Structure formats: structure tokens, C-alpha cells
N, C-alpha and C. Protein backbone atom coordinates (compact mmCIF):
# COMPACT_ATOMS: atom_id res chain seq x y z
N UNK A 1 -10.02 -9.02 11.59
CA UNK A 1 -9.39 -7.92 10.88
C UNK A 1 -10.35 -7.39 9.82
N UNK A 2 -10.56 -6.13 9.78
CA UNK A 2 -11.44 -5.44 8.85
C UNK A 2 -12.93 -5.74 9.02
N UNK A 3 -13.30 -6.32 10.18
CA UNK A 3 -14.70 -6.65 10.39
C UNK A 3 -15.60 -5.42 10.30
N UNK A 4 -15.16 -4.31 10.90
CA UNK A 4 -15.97 -3.08 10.86
C UNK A 4 -16.12 -2.57 9.43
N UNK A 5 -15.06 -2.58 8.67
CA UNK A 5 -15.09 -2.10 7.29
C UNK A 5 -15.98 -3.00 6.41
N UNK A 6 -15.87 -4.29 6.60
CA UNK A 6 -16.69 -5.23 5.83
C UNK A 6 -18.17 -5.03 6.16
N UNK A 7 -18.45 -4.90 7.44
CA UNK A 7 -19.85 -4.67 7.87
C UNK A 7 -20.40 -3.36 7.25
N UNK A 8 -19.60 -2.31 7.28
CA UNK A 8 -20.01 -1.02 6.72
C UNK A 8 -20.28 -1.14 5.21
N UNK A 9 -19.39 -1.85 4.53
CA UNK A 9 -19.59 -2.08 3.08
C UNK A 9 -20.89 -2.82 2.82
N UNK A 10 -21.13 -3.90 3.55
CA UNK A 10 -22.34 -4.71 3.35
C UNK A 10 -23.60 -3.91 3.66
N UNK A 11 -23.54 -3.07 4.69
CA UNK A 11 -24.72 -2.24 5.06
C UNK A 11 -25.05 -1.19 3.97
N UNK A 12 -24.05 -0.74 3.24
CA UNK A 12 -24.23 0.33 2.27
C UNK A 12 -24.17 -0.12 0.81
N UNK A 13 -23.86 -1.36 0.56
CA UNK A 13 -23.63 -1.85 -0.79
C UNK A 13 -24.82 -1.62 -1.72
N UNK A 14 -26.02 -1.90 -1.26
CA UNK A 14 -27.20 -1.73 -2.13
C UNK A 14 -27.35 -0.27 -2.58
N UNK A 15 -27.17 0.66 -1.68
CA UNK A 15 -27.25 2.09 -2.02
C UNK A 15 -26.15 2.47 -2.99
N UNK A 16 -24.95 2.01 -2.71
CA UNK A 16 -23.81 2.36 -3.56
C UNK A 16 -23.91 1.77 -4.94
N UNK A 17 -24.62 0.63 -5.10
CA UNK A 17 -24.77 0.04 -6.44
C UNK A 17 -25.41 1.00 -7.42
N UNK A 18 -26.37 1.80 -6.96
CA UNK A 18 -27.01 2.76 -7.86
C UNK A 18 -26.20 4.05 -7.97
N UNK A 19 -25.43 4.38 -6.94
CA UNK A 19 -24.65 5.62 -6.96
C UNK A 19 -23.29 5.46 -7.65
N UNK A 20 -22.62 4.32 -7.40
CA UNK A 20 -21.25 4.12 -7.87
C UNK A 20 -21.06 2.76 -8.56
N UNK A 21 -21.89 2.42 -9.53
CA UNK A 21 -21.76 1.11 -10.14
C UNK A 21 -20.38 0.89 -10.78
N UNK A 22 -19.75 -0.23 -10.43
CA UNK A 22 -18.46 -0.57 -11.01
C UNK A 22 -17.27 0.21 -10.44
N UNK A 23 -17.50 1.14 -9.54
CA UNK A 23 -16.41 1.93 -8.95
C UNK A 23 -15.81 1.17 -7.78
N UNK A 24 -14.65 1.63 -7.34
CA UNK A 24 -13.97 1.06 -6.19
C UNK A 24 -14.13 2.02 -5.01
N UNK A 25 -14.53 1.46 -3.86
CA UNK A 25 -14.69 2.30 -2.67
C UNK A 25 -13.57 1.97 -1.68
N UNK A 26 -13.09 3.01 -1.02
CA UNK A 26 -12.09 2.91 0.02
C UNK A 26 -12.78 3.19 1.34
N UNK A 27 -12.67 2.23 2.28
CA UNK A 27 -13.37 2.34 3.55
C UNK A 27 -12.36 2.15 4.68
N UNK A 28 -12.48 3.02 5.67
CA UNK A 28 -11.69 2.91 6.89
C UNK A 28 -12.64 3.05 8.07
N UNK A 29 -12.72 2.00 8.90
CA UNK A 29 -13.69 2.02 9.99
C UNK A 29 -15.09 2.03 9.41
N UNK A 30 -15.93 2.92 9.90
CA UNK A 30 -17.29 3.08 9.38
C UNK A 30 -17.39 4.37 8.56
N UNK A 31 -16.42 4.56 7.70
CA UNK A 31 -16.39 5.78 6.89
C UNK A 31 -15.99 5.47 5.45
N UNK A 32 -16.77 6.01 4.52
CA UNK A 32 -16.41 5.94 3.12
C UNK A 32 -15.39 7.05 2.86
N UNK A 33 -14.19 6.68 2.58
CA UNK A 33 -13.09 7.65 2.38
C UNK A 33 -13.12 8.20 0.97
N UNK A 34 -13.38 7.35 -0.02
CA UNK A 34 -13.38 7.81 -1.40
C UNK A 34 -13.93 6.79 -2.35
N UNK A 35 -14.24 7.28 -3.56
CA UNK A 35 -14.75 6.45 -4.65
C UNK A 35 -13.83 6.66 -5.84
N UNK A 36 -13.41 5.58 -6.50
CA UNK A 36 -12.37 5.65 -7.53
C UNK A 36 -12.75 4.84 -8.77
N UNK A 37 -12.21 5.26 -9.88
CA UNK A 37 -12.45 4.56 -11.14
C UNK A 37 -11.65 3.25 -11.26
N UNK A 38 -10.47 3.22 -10.62
CA UNK A 38 -9.63 2.05 -10.73
C UNK A 38 -9.13 1.59 -9.37
N UNK A 39 -8.78 0.33 -9.27
CA UNK A 39 -8.20 -0.24 -8.06
C UNK A 39 -6.90 0.48 -7.72
N UNK A 40 -6.09 0.76 -8.74
CA UNK A 40 -4.81 1.42 -8.52
C UNK A 40 -5.00 2.80 -7.89
N UNK A 41 -5.98 3.56 -8.34
CA UNK A 41 -6.23 4.87 -7.76
C UNK A 41 -6.65 4.74 -6.29
N UNK A 42 -7.46 3.75 -5.98
CA UNK A 42 -7.89 3.51 -4.60
C UNK A 42 -6.69 3.10 -3.73
N UNK A 43 -5.86 2.20 -4.26
CA UNK A 43 -4.66 1.76 -3.52
C UNK A 43 -3.70 2.92 -3.27
N UNK A 44 -3.49 3.75 -4.30
CA UNK A 44 -2.61 4.90 -4.15
C UNK A 44 -3.08 5.82 -3.04
N UNK A 45 -4.37 6.14 -3.05
CA UNK A 45 -4.92 7.03 -2.03
C UNK A 45 -4.90 6.38 -0.65
N UNK A 46 -5.26 5.11 -0.59
CA UNK A 46 -5.25 4.39 0.67
C UNK A 46 -3.85 4.33 1.29
N UNK A 47 -2.86 4.04 0.51
CA UNK A 47 -1.49 3.96 1.04
C UNK A 47 -0.96 5.33 1.41
N UNK A 48 -1.35 6.35 0.66
CA UNK A 48 -0.92 7.73 0.99
C UNK A 48 -1.55 8.15 2.33
N UNK A 49 -2.82 7.84 2.52
CA UNK A 49 -3.53 8.27 3.74
C UNK A 49 -3.20 7.43 4.98
N UNK A 50 -3.07 6.12 4.80
CA UNK A 50 -2.99 5.22 5.93
C UNK A 50 -1.70 4.44 6.05
N UNK A 51 -0.83 4.49 5.06
CA UNK A 51 0.43 3.75 5.14
C UNK A 51 0.18 2.27 5.21
N UNK A 52 0.76 1.63 6.23
CA UNK A 52 0.63 0.18 6.38
C UNK A 52 -0.54 -0.24 7.27
N UNK A 53 -1.32 0.71 7.72
CA UNK A 53 -2.49 0.40 8.54
C UNK A 53 -3.59 -0.14 7.60
N UNK A 54 -4.32 -1.15 8.06
CA UNK A 54 -5.29 -1.78 7.18
C UNK A 54 -6.48 -0.90 6.85
N UNK A 55 -7.02 -1.11 5.66
CA UNK A 55 -8.21 -0.44 5.16
C UNK A 55 -8.81 -1.39 4.12
N UNK A 56 -10.05 -1.08 3.70
CA UNK A 56 -10.74 -2.00 2.78
C UNK A 56 -11.00 -1.28 1.46
N UNK A 57 -10.76 -1.99 0.37
CA UNK A 57 -11.14 -1.53 -0.97
C UNK A 57 -11.98 -2.63 -1.57
N UNK A 58 -13.16 -2.24 -2.05
CA UNK A 58 -14.06 -3.20 -2.70
C UNK A 58 -14.64 -2.55 -3.95
N UNK A 59 -14.93 -3.39 -4.93
CA UNK A 59 -15.59 -2.91 -6.14
C UNK A 59 -17.10 -3.02 -5.93
N UNK A 60 -17.81 -1.94 -6.19
CA UNK A 60 -19.25 -1.88 -5.99
C UNK A 60 -19.93 -2.72 -7.08
N UNK A 61 -20.83 -3.59 -6.65
CA UNK A 61 -21.58 -4.44 -7.58
C UNK A 61 -20.97 -5.78 -7.82
N UNK A 62 -19.77 -6.00 -7.36
CA UNK A 62 -19.08 -7.26 -7.58
C UNK A 62 -19.37 -8.23 -6.44
N UNK A 63 -19.58 -9.49 -6.76
CA UNK A 63 -19.76 -10.53 -5.75
C UNK A 63 -18.39 -10.80 -5.14
N UNK A 64 -18.32 -10.74 -3.83
CA UNK A 64 -17.04 -10.89 -3.13
C UNK A 64 -16.87 -12.30 -2.63
N UNK A 65 -15.73 -12.87 -2.96
CA UNK A 65 -15.36 -14.19 -2.45
C UNK A 65 -14.30 -13.97 -1.37
N UNK A 66 -14.63 -14.34 -0.15
CA UNK A 66 -13.70 -14.16 0.97
C UNK A 66 -12.55 -15.14 0.86
N UNK A 67 -11.33 -14.64 1.02
CA UNK A 67 -10.14 -15.45 1.00
C UNK A 67 -9.36 -15.17 2.28
N UNK A 68 -8.97 -16.21 2.96
CA UNK A 68 -8.23 -16.04 4.21
C UNK A 68 -6.85 -16.65 4.03
N UNK A 69 -5.82 -15.89 4.33
CA UNK A 69 -4.44 -16.39 4.29
C UNK A 69 -3.88 -16.14 5.67
N UNK A 70 -4.01 -17.12 6.58
CA UNK A 70 -3.59 -16.93 7.96
C UNK A 70 -2.16 -16.41 8.12
N UNK A 71 -1.24 -16.89 7.30
CA UNK A 71 0.14 -16.46 7.43
C UNK A 71 0.28 -14.96 7.21
N UNK A 72 -0.51 -14.40 6.30
CA UNK A 72 -0.49 -12.95 6.08
C UNK A 72 -1.16 -12.23 7.22
N UNK A 73 -2.28 -12.73 7.68
CA UNK A 73 -3.02 -12.10 8.77
C UNK A 73 -2.19 -12.06 10.05
N UNK A 74 -1.45 -13.11 10.31
CA UNK A 74 -0.66 -13.19 11.54
C UNK A 74 0.70 -12.55 11.39
N UNK A 75 1.04 -12.10 10.16
CA UNK A 75 2.31 -11.42 9.95
C UNK A 75 3.52 -12.33 9.94
N UNK A 76 3.31 -13.62 9.70
CA UNK A 76 4.46 -14.53 9.69
C UNK A 76 4.99 -14.81 8.29
N UNK A 77 4.36 -14.30 7.29
CA UNK A 77 4.81 -14.48 5.91
C UNK A 77 5.42 -13.17 5.43
N UNK A 78 6.74 -13.11 5.48
CA UNK A 78 7.46 -11.92 5.05
C UNK A 78 8.70 -12.33 4.30
N UNK A 79 9.08 -11.51 3.37
CA UNK A 79 10.33 -11.78 2.65
C UNK A 79 11.51 -11.34 3.50
N UNK A 80 12.52 -12.15 3.56
CA UNK A 80 13.72 -11.82 4.32
C UNK A 80 14.89 -11.85 3.35
N UNK A 81 15.36 -10.70 2.88
CA UNK A 81 16.42 -10.65 1.87
C UNK A 81 17.68 -11.40 2.29
N UNK A 82 17.95 -11.49 3.59
CA UNK A 82 19.15 -12.19 4.05
C UNK A 82 19.07 -13.68 3.74
N UNK A 83 17.89 -14.23 3.58
CA UNK A 83 17.75 -15.66 3.29
C UNK A 83 17.34 -15.95 1.86
N UNK A 84 17.27 -14.92 1.04
CA UNK A 84 16.78 -15.13 -0.33
C UNK A 84 17.70 -15.93 -1.20
N UNK A 85 18.99 -16.01 -0.83
CA UNK A 85 19.92 -16.78 -1.66
C UNK A 85 20.40 -18.05 -0.94
N UNK A 86 19.67 -18.48 0.09
CA UNK A 86 20.11 -19.66 0.83
C UNK A 86 20.22 -20.88 -0.10
N UNK A 87 21.29 -21.59 0.08
CA UNK A 87 21.51 -22.78 -0.73
C UNK A 87 22.18 -22.49 -2.05
N UNK A 88 22.48 -21.23 -2.37
CA UNK A 88 23.09 -20.93 -3.65
C UNK A 88 24.53 -20.46 -3.50
N UNK A 89 24.97 -20.22 -2.25
CA UNK A 89 26.33 -19.74 -2.05
C UNK A 89 27.28 -20.93 -1.94
N UNK A 90 28.55 -20.67 -2.26
CA UNK A 90 29.55 -21.73 -2.21
C UNK A 90 29.82 -22.21 -0.81
N UNK A 91 29.65 -21.34 0.22
CA UNK A 91 29.95 -21.72 1.60
C UNK A 91 28.75 -22.37 2.30
N UNK A 92 27.70 -22.69 1.58
CA UNK A 92 26.53 -23.34 2.16
C UNK A 92 26.74 -24.80 2.33
């Protein structure tokens, strides 16, 4: 997931360090969609453009630590409001 976006970021990161130091870049596929001052601005634009489809946001110049959460990647970690009060009702 996001392999193409990560590869594109890594290929262009050195150039972007001089052009956009400390900025946030929004990447979809092999395309730089936008450059933003804040993470929130990048997230707002990304969600407006792509909805729930994945895209990458990275801060230029920052060392990235990869984190993998398999339950999120596989889509098995979701909130289910119907079960949010389990064990708290009188009929349980």
C-alpha cells in the first residue's frame, strides 16, 4: 500500500528539501498534488480530492520512521457503534 507514492517521495526528496523545506507534500501515485504549510491543510485537501482513497502526506526534510499496523491495512480495525456499549447494559 502506497509503495508508488513512497518511491516517488524518496526519488524527489533531495530536490524538495531545497524547494520546500519543512513543508508538507501531498502525493498521489507518481504526482505531487500540492505543497502545504501544515499537516491539517494537506489532510483537508487530500480528503477533499480523494475521499477515502489512500494518498501520502510527508513533511519535507523530516526523517521518516515507518510504522505498520496490519489491522488498519487489512481493514479489520473499525469502530462498530452497535458494540460500543457491550457489557454495560442491564440485559447483558
